[in-house]
Amino acid sequence: MEQYQVIQLLVAFLSVVATCFAAVAAFVMPRSAAKFAENLRAQNDSLDRLKIRKEQIFIELIQVRGLAISRNAVSAMNLIDYVFLDSPKVRDAYSELYNVYQRSTVFSEQQGKLEALIAAITEDMGVEQTYRHGDISRVYVPKKISDEQEAEQLELKLRLGALRERNLSSSNASN
């Protein structure tokens, strides 16, 4: 066999091997590309949902600053440890607010911790440059609304006091 024929045979063999690889790639690559694209889409959807949840919590908390806390804000706060799992600063600020709510009824102290939580959330969301601290502490609460909330809180305290008194009286009477 001449050297020329060996080279032709080698080229033919390499051509067959390349054709086989191309056939395998033509079958495998579209499936792999589709799986890769689906994974990227799922990750993007997950990030979008997380961003929406963070925005929902932010919006709920920003609405109640300067007011007594609402049930919706409580629900939003109960999601913070889950939604902001990747943000220790937000979770720490929430923990401080939680501790203040547990030990103090001083509104200004609670409000300061709520503002710190909102500030941490704006930083986590990357909007701290556009949503400044002054924006967080500037609150519009008409006197009528604050008076209504104060009256509701006083009525609640009176009802609770009466219920506790009745419960105490019935406990003493049964002993």
Protein backbone atom coordinates (compact mmCIF):
# COMPACT_ATOMS: atom_id res chain seq x y z
CA MET A 1 0.00 0.00 0.00
CA GLU A 2 1.28 3.30 -0.94
CA GLN A 3 1.58 6.20 1.39
CA TYR A 4 -1.06 8.06 -0.60
CA GLN A 5 -3.61 5.29 -0.04
CA VAL A 6 -2.88 5.21 3.70
CA ILE A 7 -3.55 8.90 3.94
CA GLN A 8 -6.80 8.47 1.99
CA LEU A 9 -7.85 5.65 4.27
CA LEU A 10 -7.00 7.70 7.36
CA VAL A 11 -8.94 10.71 6.05
CA ALA A 12 -11.91 8.47 5.24
CA PHE A 13 -11.83 6.96 8.74
CA LEU A 14 -11.63 10.39 10.38
CA SER A 15 -14.48 11.55 8.17
CA VAL A 16 -16.62 8.63 9.37
CA VAL A 17 -15.75 9.41 13.02
CA ALA A 18 -16.58 13.10 12.51
CA THR A 19 -19.87 12.17 10.85
CA CYS A 20 -20.75 9.94 13.81
CA PHE A 21 -19.97 12.73 16.27
CA ALA A 22 -22.05 15.15 14.20
CA ALA A 23 -24.97 12.71 14.17
CA VAL A 24 -24.77 12.25 17.94
CA ALA A 25 -24.45 15.99 18.47
CA ALA A 26 -27.40 16.65 16.17
CA PHE A 27 -29.51 14.35 18.32
CA VAL A 28 -28.20 15.27 21.80
CA MET A 29 -27.51 18.99 21.52
CA PRO A 30 -31.06 20.22 20.82
CA ARG A 31 -32.33 18.27 23.81
CA SER A 32 -29.54 19.61 26.00
CA ALA A 33 -30.12 23.13 24.73
CA ALA A 34 -33.84 22.81 25.42
CA LYS A 35 -33.18 21.56 28.97
CA PHE A 36 -30.69 24.37 29.53
CA ALA A 37 -33.17 26.97 28.24
CA GLU A 38 -35.95 25.53 30.43
CA ASN A 39 -33.69 25.67 33.50
CA LEU A 40 -32.81 29.29 32.76
CA ARG A 41 -36.48 30.16 32.31
CA ALA A 42 -37.41 28.45 35.57
CA GLN A 43 -34.64 30.27 37.44
CA ASN A 44 -35.77 33.56 35.93
CA ASP A 45 -39.40 32.87 36.89
CA SER A 46 -38.31 32.01 40.41
CA LEU A 47 -36.33 35.25 40.68
CA ASP A 48 -39.28 37.20 39.29
CA ARG A 49 -41.63 35.66 41.85
CA LEU A 50 -39.18 36.43 44.65
CA LYS A 51 -38.86 40.03 43.47
CA ILE A 52 -42.65 40.37 43.37
CA ARG A 53 -42.95 38.97 46.92
CA LYS A 54 -40.29 41.41 48.15
CA GLU A 55 -42.13 44.29 46.49
CA GLN A 56 -45.44 43.17 48.04
CA ILE A 57 -43.92 43.13 51.51
CA PHE A 58 -42.29 46.51 50.92
CA ILE A 59 -45.57 48.03 49.70
CA GLU A 60 -47.53 46.63 52.63
CA LEU A 61 -45.04 47.96 55.19
CA ILE A 62 -44.66 51.34 53.54
CA GLN A 63 -48.44 51.77 53.70
CA VAL A 64 -48.61 51.29 57.48
CA ARG A 65 -45.67 53.42 58.53
CA GLY A 66 -47.00 56.11 60.80
CA LEU A 67 -50.09 54.07 61.61
CA ALA A 68 -51.00 51.29 63.96
CA ILE A 69 -50.01 47.99 62.40
CA SER A 70 -52.57 46.26 60.16
CA ARG A 71 -53.40 42.57 59.76
CA ASN A 72 -52.00 42.68 56.22
CA ALA A 73 -48.73 44.14 57.51
CA VAL A 74 -48.55 41.38 60.12
CA SER A 75 -49.02 38.80 57.35
CA ALA A 76 -46.31 40.49 55.30
CA MET A 77 -43.91 40.53 58.25
CA ASN A 78 -44.51 36.85 58.89
CA LEU A 79 -43.18 36.16 55.37
CA ILE A 80 -39.95 38.14 55.80
CA ASP A 81 -37.81 35.28 57.11
CA TYR A 82 -38.81 33.20 54.07
CA VAL A 83 -38.80 35.82 51.33
CA PHE A 84 -35.62 37.55 52.52
CA LEU A 85 -33.82 34.31 53.37
CA ASP A 86 -30.79 35.56 51.44
CA SER A 87 -30.68 38.95 53.22
CA PRO A 88 -29.34 38.85 56.79
CA LYS A 89 -29.63 42.63 57.10
CA VAL A 90 -33.39 42.56 56.44
CA ARG A 91 -33.89 39.60 58.74
CA ASP A 92 -31.89 41.29 61.51
CA ALA A 93 -33.93 44.49 61.14
CA TYR A 94 -37.13 42.42 61.28
CA SER A 95 -35.87 40.63 64.39
CA GLU A 96 -35.22 43.98 66.09
CA LEU A 97 -38.70 45.20 65.16
CA TYR A 98 -40.22 41.96 66.44
CA ASN A 99 -38.38 42.35 69.75
CA VAL A 100 -39.61 45.93 70.13
CA TYR A 101 -43.21 44.85 69.45
CA GLN A 102 -42.86 42.17 72.13
CA ARG A 103 -41.49 44.42 74.87
CA SER A 104 -42.66 47.95 74.16
CA THR A 105 -45.86 49.79 73.37
CA VAL A 106 -44.00 53.04 72.69
CA PHE A 107 -45.09 53.97 69.18
CA SER A 108 -42.02 56.06 68.35
CA GLU A 109 -39.72 53.17 69.25
CA GLN A 110 -41.75 50.77 67.12
CA GLN A 111 -41.88 53.29 64.29
CA GLY A 112 -38.09 53.72 64.33
CA LYS A 113 -37.56 49.97 64.00
CA LEU A 114 -40.19 49.74 61.25
CA GLU A 115 -38.39 52.49 59.33
CA ALA A 116 -35.08 50.64 59.79
CA LEU A 117 -36.70 47.48 58.40
CA ILE A 118 -38.08 49.36 55.40
CA ALA A 119 -34.64 50.91 54.80
CA ALA A 120 -33.03 47.45 54.87
CA ILE A 121 -35.62 46.20 52.39
CA THR A 122 -34.98 49.12 50.02
CA GLU A 123 -31.27 48.32 50.17
CA ASP A 124 -31.90 44.64 49.46
CA MET A 125 -34.13 45.54 46.51
CA GLY A 126 -31.50 47.97 45.20
CA VAL A 127 -33.71 51.06 45.39
CA GLU A 128 -32.08 52.76 48.38
CA GLN A 129 -30.69 55.52 46.13
CA THR A 130 -34.10 56.42 44.75
CA TYR A 131 -36.11 55.77 47.93
CA ARG A 132 -34.26 57.71 50.61
CA HIS A 133 -34.65 57.69 54.39
CA GLY A 134 -36.55 60.98 54.26
CA ASP A 135 -39.08 59.28 52.00
CA ILE A 136 -39.48 56.49 54.53
CA SER A 137 -40.02 58.77 57.51
CA ARG A 138 -42.32 61.20 55.66
CA VAL A 139 -45.82 59.96 56.39
CA TYR A 140 -49.20 61.45 55.62
CA VAL A 141 -51.75 60.57 58.27
CA PRO A 142 -54.80 62.84 58.47
CA LYS A 143 -55.86 63.70 62.02
CA LYS A 144 -59.24 62.03 61.50
CA ILE A 145 -57.58 58.70 60.73
CA SER A 146 -55.17 58.90 63.65
CA ASP A 147 -58.09 59.85 65.94
CA GLU A 148 -60.12 56.89 64.66
CA GLN A 149 -57.22 54.53 65.30
CA GLU A 150 -56.69 55.93 68.77
CA ALA A 151 -60.41 55.52 69.53
CA GLU A 152 -60.34 51.92 68.23
CA GLN A 153 -57.34 51.15 70.42
CA LEU A 154 -58.98 52.71 73.49
CA GLU A 155 -62.23 50.80 72.84
CA LEU A 156 -60.25 47.59 72.48
CA LYS A 157 -58.46 48.23 75.79
CA LEU A 158 -61.78 48.94 77.52
CA ARG A 159 -63.39 45.77 76.11
CA LEU A 160 -60.35 43.68 77.05
CA GLY A 161 -60.38 45.16 80.55
CA ALA A 162 -64.08 44.37 80.96
CA LEU A 163 -63.60 40.82 79.69
CA ARG A 164 -60.65 40.24 81.98
CA GLU A 165 -62.58 41.67 84.92
CA ARG A 166 -65.56 39.41 84.12
CA ASN A 167 -63.26 36.39 83.75
CA LEU A 168 -61.53 37.20 87.05
CA SER A 169 -64.89 37.65 88.79
CA SER A 170 -66.22 34.33 87.48
CA SER A 171 -62.99 32.58 88.51
CA ASN A 172 -63.23 34.00 92.04
CA ALA A 173 -66.92 33.11 92.29
CA SER A 174 -66.30 29.48 91.34
CA ASN A 175 -63.54 29.08 93.94
